[in-house]
mmCIF file of all heavy atoms, coordinates in Angstrom:
data_MODEL
# 
_entry.id   MODEL 
# 
loop_
_atom_site.group_PDB 
_atom_site.id 
_atom_site.type_symbol 
_atom_site.label_atom_id 
_atom_site.label_alt_id 
_atom_site.label_comp_id 
_atom_site.label_asym_id 
_atom_site.label_entity_id 
_atom_site.label_seq_id 
_atom_site.pdbx_PDB_ins_code 
_atom_site.Cartn_x 
_atom_site.Cartn_y 
_atom_site.Cartn_z 
_atom_site.occupancy 
_atom_site.B_iso_or_equiv 
_atom_site.pdbx_formal_charge 
_atom_site.auth_seq_id 
_atom_site.auth_comp_id 
_atom_site.auth_asym_id 
_atom_site.auth_atom_id 
_atom_site.pdbx_PDB_model_num 
ATOM 1   N N   . THR A 1 1  ? -16.591 -4.866 7.244   1.00 0.00 ? 1  THR A N   1 
ATOM 2   C CA  . THR A 1 1  ? -16.072 -5.257 8.556   1.00 0.00 ? 1  THR A CA  1 
ATOM 3   C C   . THR A 1 1  ? -14.788 -4.522 8.907   1.00 0.00 ? 1  THR A C   1 
ATOM 4   O O   . THR A 1 1  ? -14.210 -4.769 9.963   1.00 0.00 ? 1  THR A O   1 
ATOM 5   C CB  . THR A 1 1  ? -15.813 -6.786 8.620   1.00 0.00 ? 1  THR A CB  1 
ATOM 6   O OG1 . THR A 1 1  ? -14.691 -7.109 7.801   1.00 0.00 ? 1  THR A OG1 1 
ATOM 7   C CG2 . THR A 1 1  ? -17.038 -7.568 8.181   1.00 0.00 ? 1  THR A CG2 1 
ATOM 8   N N   . SER A 1 2  ? -14.327 -3.647 8.020   1.00 0.00 ? 2  SER A N   1 
ATOM 9   C CA  . SER A 1 2  ? -13.118 -2.875 8.283   1.00 0.00 ? 2  SER A CA  1 
ATOM 10  C C   . SER A 1 2  ? -13.470 -1.628 9.089   1.00 0.00 ? 2  SER A C   1 
ATOM 11  O O   . SER A 1 2  ? -14.618 -1.443 9.520   1.00 0.00 ? 2  SER A O   1 
ATOM 12  C CB  . SER A 1 2  ? -12.453 -2.470 6.960   1.00 0.00 ? 2  SER A CB  1 
ATOM 13  O OG  . SER A 1 2  ? -13.166 -1.413 6.332   1.00 0.00 ? 2  SER A OG  1 
ATOM 14  N N   . VAL A 1 3  ? -12.492 -0.741 9.255   1.00 0.00 ? 3  VAL A N   1 
ATOM 15  C CA  . VAL A 1 3  ? -12.757 0.513  9.965   1.00 0.00 ? 3  VAL A CA  1 
ATOM 16  C C   . VAL A 1 3  ? -13.537 1.491  9.101   1.00 0.00 ? 3  VAL A C   1 
ATOM 17  O O   . VAL A 1 3  ? -13.871 2.592  9.551   1.00 0.00 ? 3  VAL A O   1 
ATOM 18  C CB  . VAL A 1 3  ? -11.441 1.159  10.447  1.00 0.00 ? 3  VAL A CB  1 
ATOM 19  C CG1 . VAL A 1 3  ? -10.758 0.274  11.470  1.00 0.00 ? 3  VAL A CG1 1 
ATOM 20  C CG2 . VAL A 1 3  ? -10.509 1.460  9.276   1.00 0.00 ? 3  VAL A CG2 1 
ATOM 21  N N   . GLY A 1 4  ? -13.816 1.118  7.866   1.00 0.00 ? 4  GLY A N   1 
ATOM 22  C CA  . GLY A 1 4  ? -14.687 1.931  7.027   1.00 0.00 ? 4  GLY A CA  1 
ATOM 23  C C   . GLY A 1 4  ? -13.999 3.068  6.308   1.00 0.00 ? 4  GLY A C   1 
ATOM 24  O O   . GLY A 1 4  ? -14.638 4.047  5.926   1.00 0.00 ? 4  GLY A O   1 
ATOM 25  N N   . ARG A 1 5  ? -12.692 2.959  6.089   1.00 0.00 ? 5  ARG A N   1 
ATOM 26  C CA  . ARG A 1 5  ? -11.957 3.997  5.364   1.00 0.00 ? 5  ARG A CA  1 
ATOM 27  C C   . ARG A 1 5  ? -11.665 3.514  3.949   1.00 0.00 ? 5  ARG A C   1 
ATOM 28  O O   . ARG A 1 5  ? -10.865 2.603  3.739   1.00 0.00 ? 5  ARG A O   1 
ATOM 29  C CB  . ARG A 1 5  ? -10.653 4.337  6.099   1.00 0.00 ? 5  ARG A CB  1 
ATOM 30  C CG  . ARG A 1 5  ? -10.875 4.950  7.462   1.00 0.00 ? 5  ARG A CG  1 
ATOM 31  C CD  . ARG A 1 5  ? -11.461 6.362  7.334   1.00 0.00 ? 5  ARG A CD  1 
ATOM 32  N NE  . ARG A 1 5  ? -11.645 6.976  8.639   1.00 0.00 ? 5  ARG A NE  1 
ATOM 33  C CZ  . ARG A 1 5  ? -12.789 6.978  9.317   1.00 0.00 ? 5  ARG A CZ  1 
ATOM 34  N NH1 . ARG A 1 5  ? -13.842 6.381  8.793   1.00 0.00 ? 5  ARG A NH1 1 
ATOM 35  N NH2 . ARG A 1 5  ? -12.883 7.563  10.487  1.00 0.00 ? 5  ARG A NH2 1 
ATOM 36  N N   . HIS A 1 6  ? -12.323 4.159  2.981   1.00 0.00 ? 6  HIS A N   1 
ATOM 37  C CA  . HIS A 1 6  ? -12.161 3.805  1.579   1.00 0.00 ? 6  HIS A CA  1 
ATOM 38  C C   . HIS A 1 6  ? -12.102 5.100  0.770   1.00 0.00 ? 6  HIS A C   1 
ATOM 39  O O   . HIS A 1 6  ? -12.385 6.179  1.291   1.00 0.00 ? 6  HIS A O   1 
ATOM 40  C CB  . HIS A 1 6  ? -13.318 2.921  1.100   1.00 0.00 ? 6  HIS A CB  1 
ATOM 41  C CG  . HIS A 1 6  ? -13.610 1.770  2.004   1.00 0.00 ? 6  HIS A CG  1 
ATOM 42  N ND1 . HIS A 1 6  ? -12.819 0.645  2.057   1.00 0.00 ? 6  HIS A ND1 1 
ATOM 43  C CD2 . HIS A 1 6  ? -14.596 1.588  2.922   1.00 0.00 ? 6  HIS A CD2 1 
ATOM 44  C CE1 . HIS A 1 6  ? -13.313 -0.203 2.961   1.00 0.00 ? 6  HIS A CE1 1 
ATOM 45  N NE2 . HIS A 1 6  ? -14.390 0.349  3.503   1.00 0.00 ? 6  HIS A NE2 1 
ATOM 46  N N   . ASP A 1 7  ? -11.768 4.991  -0.506  1.00 0.00 ? 7  ASP A N   1 
ATOM 47  C CA  . ASP A 1 7  ? -11.564 6.187  -1.323  1.00 0.00 ? 7  ASP A CA  1 
ATOM 48  C C   . ASP A 1 7  ? -12.212 6.031  -2.694  1.00 0.00 ? 7  ASP A C   1 
ATOM 49  O O   . ASP A 1 7  ? -12.244 4.931  -3.249  1.00 0.00 ? 7  ASP A O   1 
ATOM 50  C CB  . ASP A 1 7  ? -10.061 6.444  -1.506  1.00 0.00 ? 7  ASP A CB  1 
ATOM 51  C CG  . ASP A 1 7  ? -9.788  7.469  -2.591  1.00 0.00 ? 7  ASP A CG  1 
ATOM 52  O OD1 . ASP A 1 7  ? -9.979  8.674  -2.324  1.00 0.00 ? 7  ASP A OD1 1 
ATOM 53  O OD2 . ASP A 1 7  ? -9.428  7.070  -3.720  1.00 0.00 ? 7  ASP A OD2 1 
ATOM 54  N N   . MET A 1 8  ? -12.705 7.153  -3.217  1.00 0.00 ? 8  MET A N   1 
ATOM 55  C CA  . MET A 1 8  ? -13.226 7.157  -4.578  1.00 0.00 ? 8  MET A CA  1 
ATOM 56  C C   . MET A 1 8  ? -12.831 8.466  -5.281  1.00 0.00 ? 8  MET A C   1 
ATOM 57  O O   . MET A 1 8  ? -13.540 8.959  -6.140  1.00 0.00 ? 8  MET A O   1 
ATOM 58  C CB  . MET A 1 8  ? -14.748 6.979  -4.561  1.00 0.00 ? 8  MET A CB  1 
ATOM 59  C CG  . MET A 1 8  ? -15.279 6.111  -5.677  1.00 0.00 ? 8  MET A CG  1 
ATOM 60  S SD  . MET A 1 8  ? -16.956 5.487  -5.360  1.00 0.00 ? 8  MET A SD  1 
ATOM 61  C CE  . MET A 1 8  ? -17.865 6.981  -4.992  1.00 0.00 ? 8  MET A CE  1 
ATOM 62  N N   . LEU A 1 9  ? -11.673 9.018  -4.861  1.00 0.00 ? 9  LEU A N   1 
ATOM 63  C CA  . LEU A 1 9  ? -11.149 10.238 -5.465  1.00 0.00 ? 9  LEU A CA  1 
ATOM 64  C C   . LEU A 1 9  ? -9.879  10.003 -6.278  1.00 0.00 ? 9  LEU A C   1 
ATOM 65  O O   . LEU A 1 9  ? -9.628  10.696 -7.260  1.00 0.00 ? 9  LEU A O   1 
ATOM 66  C CB  . LEU A 1 9  ? -10.834 11.280 -4.378  1.00 0.00 ? 9  LEU A CB  1 
ATOM 67  C CG  . LEU A 1 9  ? -12.003 11.871 -3.600  1.00 0.00 ? 9  LEU A CG  1 
ATOM 68  C CD1 . LEU A 1 9  ? -11.479 12.791 -2.499  1.00 0.00 ? 9  LEU A CD1 1 
ATOM 69  C CD2 . LEU A 1 9  ? -12.950 12.632 -4.521  1.00 0.00 ? 9  LEU A CD2 1 
ATOM 70  N N   . ILE A 1 10 ? -9.064  9.040  -5.848  1.00 0.00 ? 10 ILE A N   1 
ATOM 71  C CA  . ILE A 1 10 ? -7.732  8.867  -6.406  1.00 0.00 ? 10 ILE A CA  1 
ATOM 72  C C   . ILE A 1 10 ? -7.748  7.930  -7.620  1.00 0.00 ? 10 ILE A C   1 
ATOM 73  O O   . ILE A 1 10 ? -8.350  6.858  -7.581  1.00 0.00 ? 10 ILE A O   1 
ATOM 74  C CB  . ILE A 1 10 ? -6.767  8.326  -5.328  1.00 0.00 ? 10 ILE A CB  1 
ATOM 75  C CG1 . ILE A 1 10 ? -6.750  9.264  -4.119  1.00 0.00 ? 10 ILE A CG1 1 
ATOM 76  C CG2 . ILE A 1 10 ? -5.371  8.146  -5.904  1.00 0.00 ? 10 ILE A CG2 1 
ATOM 77  C CD1 . ILE A 1 10 ? -6.364  10.697 -4.427  1.00 0.00 ? 10 ILE A CD1 1 
ATOM 78  N N   . ALA A 1 11 ? -7.084  8.359  -8.674  1.00 0.00 ? 11 ALA A N   1 
ATOM 79  C CA  . ALA A 1 11 ? -6.996  7.557  -9.900  1.00 0.00 ? 11 ALA A CA  1 
ATOM 80  C C   . ALA A 1 11 ? -6.156  6.310  -9.667  1.00 0.00 ? 11 ALA A C   1 
ATOM 81  O O   . ALA A 1 11 ? -5.323  6.250  -8.759  1.00 0.00 ? 11 ALA A O   1 
ATOM 82  C CB  . ALA A 1 11 ? -6.378  8.393  -11.020 1.00 0.00 ? 11 ALA A CB  1 
ATOM 83  N N   . ALA A 1 12 ? -6.376  5.307  -10.499 1.00 0.00 ? 12 ALA A N   1 
ATOM 84  C CA  . ALA A 1 12 ? -5.557  4.092  -10.448 1.00 0.00 ? 12 ALA A CA  1 
ATOM 85  C C   . ALA A 1 12 ? -4.105  4.453  -10.745 1.00 0.00 ? 12 ALA A C   1 
ATOM 86  O O   . ALA A 1 12 ? -3.814  5.272  -11.623 1.00 0.00 ? 12 ALA A O   1 
ATOM 87  C CB  . ALA A 1 12 ? -6.061  3.080  -11.463 1.00 0.00 ? 12 ALA A CB  1 
ATOM 88  N N   . CYS A 1 13 ? -3.188  3.832  -10.013 1.00 0.00 ? 13 CYS A N   1 
ATOM 89  C CA  . CYS A 1 13 ? -1.771  4.064  -10.313 1.00 0.00 ? 13 CYS A CA  1 
ATOM 90  C C   . CYS A 1 13 ? -1.455  3.497  -11.699 1.00 0.00 ? 13 CYS A C   1 
ATOM 91  O O   . CYS A 1 13 ? -2.070  2.526  -12.160 1.00 0.00 ? 13 CYS A O   1 
ATOM 92  C CB  . CYS A 1 13 ? -0.870  3.449  -9.240  1.00 0.00 ? 13 CYS A CB  1 
ATOM 93  S SG  . CYS A 1 13 ? -1.005  1.661  -9.023  1.00 0.00 ? 13 CYS A SG  1 
ATOM 94  N N   . ASP A 1 14 ? -0.514  4.146  -12.371 1.00 0.00 ? 14 ASP A N   1 
ATOM 95  C CA  . ASP A 1 14 ? -0.145  3.757  -13.731 1.00 0.00 ? 14 ASP A CA  1 
ATOM 96  C C   . ASP A 1 14 ? 1.343   4.041  -13.933 1.00 0.00 ? 14 ASP A C   1 
ATOM 97  O O   . ASP A 1 14 ? 2.011   4.601  -13.046 1.00 0.00 ? 14 ASP A O   1 
ATOM 98  C CB  . ASP A 1 14 ? -1.002  4.486  -14.765 1.00 0.00 ? 14 ASP A CB  1 
ATOM 99  C CG  . ASP A 1 14 ? -1.017  5.995  -14.574 1.00 0.00 ? 14 ASP A CG  1 
ATOM 100 O OD1 . ASP A 1 14 ? -0.023  6.555  -14.063 1.00 0.00 ? 14 ASP A OD1 1 
ATOM 101 O OD2 . ASP A 1 14 ? -2.018  6.633  -14.925 1.00 0.00 ? 14 ASP A OD2 1 
ATOM 102 N N   . PRO A 1 15 ? 1.925   3.616  -15.069 1.00 0.00 ? 15 PRO A N   1 
ATOM 103 C CA  . PRO A 1 15 ? 3.359   3.840  -15.270 1.00 0.00 ? 15 PRO A CA  1 
ATOM 104 C C   . PRO A 1 15 ? 3.767   5.302  -15.138 1.00 0.00 ? 15 PRO A C   1 
ATOM 105 O O   . PRO A 1 15 ? 4.844   5.616  -14.608 1.00 0.00 ? 15 PRO A O   1 
ATOM 106 C CB  . PRO A 1 15 ? 3.594   3.304  -16.684 1.00 0.00 ? 15 PRO A CB  1 
ATOM 107 C CG  . PRO A 1 15 ? 2.548   2.240  -16.855 1.00 0.00 ? 15 PRO A CG  1 
ATOM 108 C CD  . PRO A 1 15 ? 1.335   2.776  -16.145 1.00 0.00 ? 15 PRO A CD  1 
ATOM 109 N N   . GLU A 1 16 ? 2.901   6.202  -15.604 1.00 0.00 ? 16 GLU A N   1 
ATOM 110 C CA  . GLU A 1 16 ? 3.221   7.626  -15.529 1.00 0.00 ? 16 GLU A CA  1 
ATOM 111 C C   . GLU A 1 16 ? 3.273   8.112  -14.083 1.00 0.00 ? 16 GLU A C   1 
ATOM 112 O O   . GLU A 1 16 ? 4.095   8.976  -13.734 1.00 0.00 ? 16 GLU A O   1 
ATOM 113 C CB  . GLU A 1 16 ? 2.194   8.432  -16.332 1.00 0.00 ? 16 GLU A CB  1 
ATOM 114 C CG  . GLU A 1 16 ? 2.219   8.189  -17.830 1.00 0.00 ? 16 GLU A CG  1 
ATOM 115 C CD  . GLU A 1 16 ? 1.605   6.873  -18.264 1.00 0.00 ? 16 GLU A CD  1 
ATOM 116 O OE1 . GLU A 1 16 ? 0.852   6.257  -17.462 1.00 0.00 ? 16 GLU A OE1 1 
ATOM 117 O OE2 . GLU A 1 16 ? 1.875   6.444  -19.396 1.00 0.00 ? 16 GLU A OE2 1 
ATOM 118 N N   . ARG A 1 17 ? 2.411   7.564  -13.230 1.00 0.00 ? 17 ARG A N   1 
ATOM 119 C CA  . ARG A 1 17 ? 2.431   7.927  -11.814 1.00 0.00 ? 17 ARG A CA  1 
ATOM 120 C C   . ARG A 1 17 ? 3.770   7.535  -11.179 1.00 0.00 ? 17 ARG A C   1 
ATOM 121 O O   . ARG A 1 17 ? 4.380   8.330  -10.441 1.00 0.00 ? 17 ARG A O   1 
ATOM 122 C CB  . ARG A 1 17 ? 1.274   7.241  -11.082 1.00 0.00 ? 17 ARG A CB  1 
ATOM 123 C CG  . ARG A 1 17 ? 1.300   7.357  -9.565  1.00 0.00 ? 17 ARG A CG  1 
ATOM 124 C CD  . ARG A 1 17 ? 1.169   8.780  -9.081  1.00 0.00 ? 17 ARG A CD  1 
ATOM 125 N NE  . ARG A 1 17 ? 0.937   8.831  -7.639  1.00 0.00 ? 17 ARG A NE  1 
ATOM 126 C CZ  . ARG A 1 17 ? 1.158   9.912  -6.896  1.00 0.00 ? 17 ARG A CZ  1 
ATOM 127 N NH1 . ARG A 1 17 ? 1.601   11.027 -7.445  1.00 0.00 ? 17 ARG A NH1 1 
ATOM 128 N NH2 . ARG A 1 17 ? 0.924   9.887  -5.594  1.00 0.00 ? 17 ARG A NH2 1 
ATOM 129 N N   . TYR A 1 18 ? 4.227   6.333  -11.463 1.00 0.00 ? 18 TYR A N   1 
ATOM 130 C CA  . TYR A 1 18 ? 5.491   5.890  -10.875 1.00 0.00 ? 18 TYR A CA  1 
ATOM 131 C C   . TYR A 1 18 ? 6.670   6.688  -11.422 1.00 0.00 ? 18 TYR A C   1 
ATOM 132 O O   . TYR A 1 18 ? 7.610   7.004  -10.692 1.00 0.00 ? 18 TYR A O   1 
ATOM 133 C CB  . TYR A 1 18 ? 5.676   4.388  -11.074 1.00 0.00 ? 18 TYR A CB  1 
ATOM 134 C CG  . TYR A 1 18 ? 4.709   3.606  -10.222 1.00 0.00 ? 18 TYR A CG  1 
ATOM 135 C CD1 . TYR A 1 18 ? 3.616   2.966  -10.774 1.00 0.00 ? 18 TYR A CD1 1 
ATOM 136 C CD2 . TYR A 1 18 ? 4.873   3.558  -8.840  1.00 0.00 ? 18 TYR A CD2 1 
ATOM 137 C CE1 . TYR A 1 18 ? 2.707   2.279  -9.981  1.00 0.00 ? 18 TYR A CE1 1 
ATOM 138 C CE2 . TYR A 1 18 ? 3.963   2.878  -8.033  1.00 0.00 ? 18 TYR A CE2 1 
ATOM 139 C CZ  . TYR A 1 18 ? 2.884   2.249  -8.617  1.00 0.00 ? 18 TYR A CZ  1 
ATOM 140 O OH  . TYR A 1 18 ? 1.981   1.592  -7.823  1.00 0.00 ? 18 TYR A OH  1 
ATOM 141 N N   . ALA A 1 19 ? 6.613   7.044  -12.706 1.00 0.00 ? 19 ALA A N   1 
ATOM 142 C CA  . ALA A 1 19 ? 7.674   7.877  -13.270 1.00 0.00 ? 19 ALA A CA  1 
ATOM 143 C C   . ALA A 1 19 ? 7.724   9.229  -12.559 1.00 0.00 ? 19 ALA A C   1 
ATOM 144 O O   . ALA A 1 19 ? 8.804   9.754  -12.266 1.00 0.00 ? 19 ALA A O   1 
ATOM 145 C CB  . ALA A 1 19 ? 7.455   8.066  -14.764 1.00 0.00 ? 19 ALA A CB  1 
ATOM 146 N N   . SER A 1 20 ? 6.540   9.790  -12.256 1.00 0.00 ? 20 SER A N   1 
ATOM 147 C CA  . SER A 1 20 ? 6.504   11.086 -11.571 1.00 0.00 ? 20 SER A CA  1 
ATOM 148 C C   . SER A 1 20 ? 7.022   10.986 -10.147 1.00 0.00 ? 20 SER A C   1 
ATOM 149 O O   . SER A 1 20 ? 7.440   11.997 -9.558  1.00 0.00 ? 20 SER A O   1 
ATOM 150 C CB  . SER A 1 20 ? 5.073   11.636 -11.565 1.00 0.00 ? 20 SER A CB  1 
ATOM 151 O OG  . SER A 1 20 ? 4.243   10.936 -10.645 1.00 0.00 ? 20 SER A OG  1 
ATOM 152 N N   . LEU A 1 21 ? 6.998   9.759  -9.585  1.00 0.00 ? 21 LEU A N   1 
ATOM 153 C CA  . LEU A 1 21 ? 7.516   9.538  -8.230  1.00 0.00 ? 21 LEU A CA  1 
ATOM 154 C C   . LEU A 1 21 ? 8.996   9.152  -8.227  1.00 0.00 ? 21 LEU A C   1 
ATOM 155 O O   . LEU A 1 21 ? 9.549   8.829  -7.176  1.00 0.00 ? 21 LEU A O   1 
ATOM 156 C CB  . LEU A 1 21 ? 6.692   8.448  -7.533  1.00 0.00 ? 21 LEU A CB  1 
ATOM 157 C CG  . LEU A 1 21 ? 5.234   8.812  -7.211  1.00 0.00 ? 21 LEU A CG  1 
ATOM 158 C CD1 . LEU A 1 21 ? 4.473   7.594  -6.692  1.00 0.00 ? 21 LEU A CD1 1 
ATOM 159 C CD2 . LEU A 1 21 ? 5.156   9.958  -6.207  1.00 0.00 ? 21 LEU A CD2 1 
ATOM 160 N N   . GLY A 1 22 ? 9.607   9.152  -9.409  1.00 0.00 ? 22 GLY A N   1 
ATOM 161 C CA  . GLY A 1 22 ? 11.037  8.897  -9.489  1.00 0.00 ? 22 GLY A CA  1 
ATOM 162 C C   . GLY A 1 22 ? 11.428  7.472  -9.810  1.00 0.00 ? 22 GLY A C   1 
ATOM 163 O O   . GLY A 1 22 ? 12.618  7.138  -9.814  1.00 0.00 ? 22 GLY A O   1 
ATOM 164 N N   . VAL A 1 23 ? 10.445  6.614  -10.105 1.00 0.00 ? 23 VAL A N   1 
ATOM 165 C CA  . VAL A 1 23 ? 10.760  5.227  -10.440 1.00 0.00 ? 23 VAL A CA  1 
ATOM 166 C C   . VAL A 1 23 ? 11.295  5.163  -11.874 1.00 0.00 ? 23 VAL A C   1 
ATOM 167 O O   . VAL A 1 23 ? 10.706  5.756  -12.789 1.00 0.00 ? 23 VAL A O   1 
ATOM 168 C CB  . VAL A 1 23 ? 9.509   4.336  -10.293 1.00 0.00 ? 23 VAL A CB  1 
ATOM 169 C CG1 . VAL A 1 23 ? 9.796   2.913  -10.774 1.00 0.00 ? 23 VAL A CG1 1 
ATOM 170 C CG2 . VAL A 1 23 ? 9.031   4.332  -8.856  1.00 0.00 ? 23 VAL A CG2 1 
ATOM 171 N N   . THR A 1 24 ? 12.372  4.458  -12.076 1.00 0.00 ? 24 THR A N   1 
ATOM 172 C CA  . THR A 1 24 ? 12.902  4.243  -13.421 1.00 0.00 ? 24 THR A CA  1 
ATOM 173 C C   . THR A 1 24 ? 12.656  2.800  -13.826 1.00 0.00 ? 24 THR A C   1 
ATOM 174 O O   . THR A 1 24 ? 12.736  1.885  -13.013 1.00 0.00 ? 24 THR A O   1 
ATOM 175 C CB  . THR A 1 24 ? 14.411  4.550  -13.467 1.00 0.00 ? 24 THR A CB  1 
ATOM 176 O OG1 . THR A 1 24 ? 15.089  3.718  -12.522 1.00 0.00 ? 24 THR A OG1 1 
ATOM 177 C CG2 . THR A 1 24 ? 14.674  6.007  -13.139 1.00 0.00 ? 24 THR A CG2 1 
ATOM 178 N N   . GLY A 1 25 ? 12.340  2.598  -15.082 1.00 0.00 ? 25 GLY A N   1 
ATOM 179 C CA  . GLY A 1 25 ? 12.053  1.248  -15.558 1.00 0.00 ? 25 GLY A CA  1 
ATOM 180 C C   . GLY A 1 25 ? 10.626  0.838  -15.252 1.00 0.00 ? 25 GLY A C   1 
ATOM 181 O O   . GLY A 1 25 ? 9.805   1.616  -14.754 1.00 0.00 ? 25 GLY A O   1 
# 
């Protein structure tokens, strides 16, 4: 029932992803 925009390319976010984005802790 949504606008039909979904994804099956992007990996699940994980601690390493946030570290690469500059998150500390």
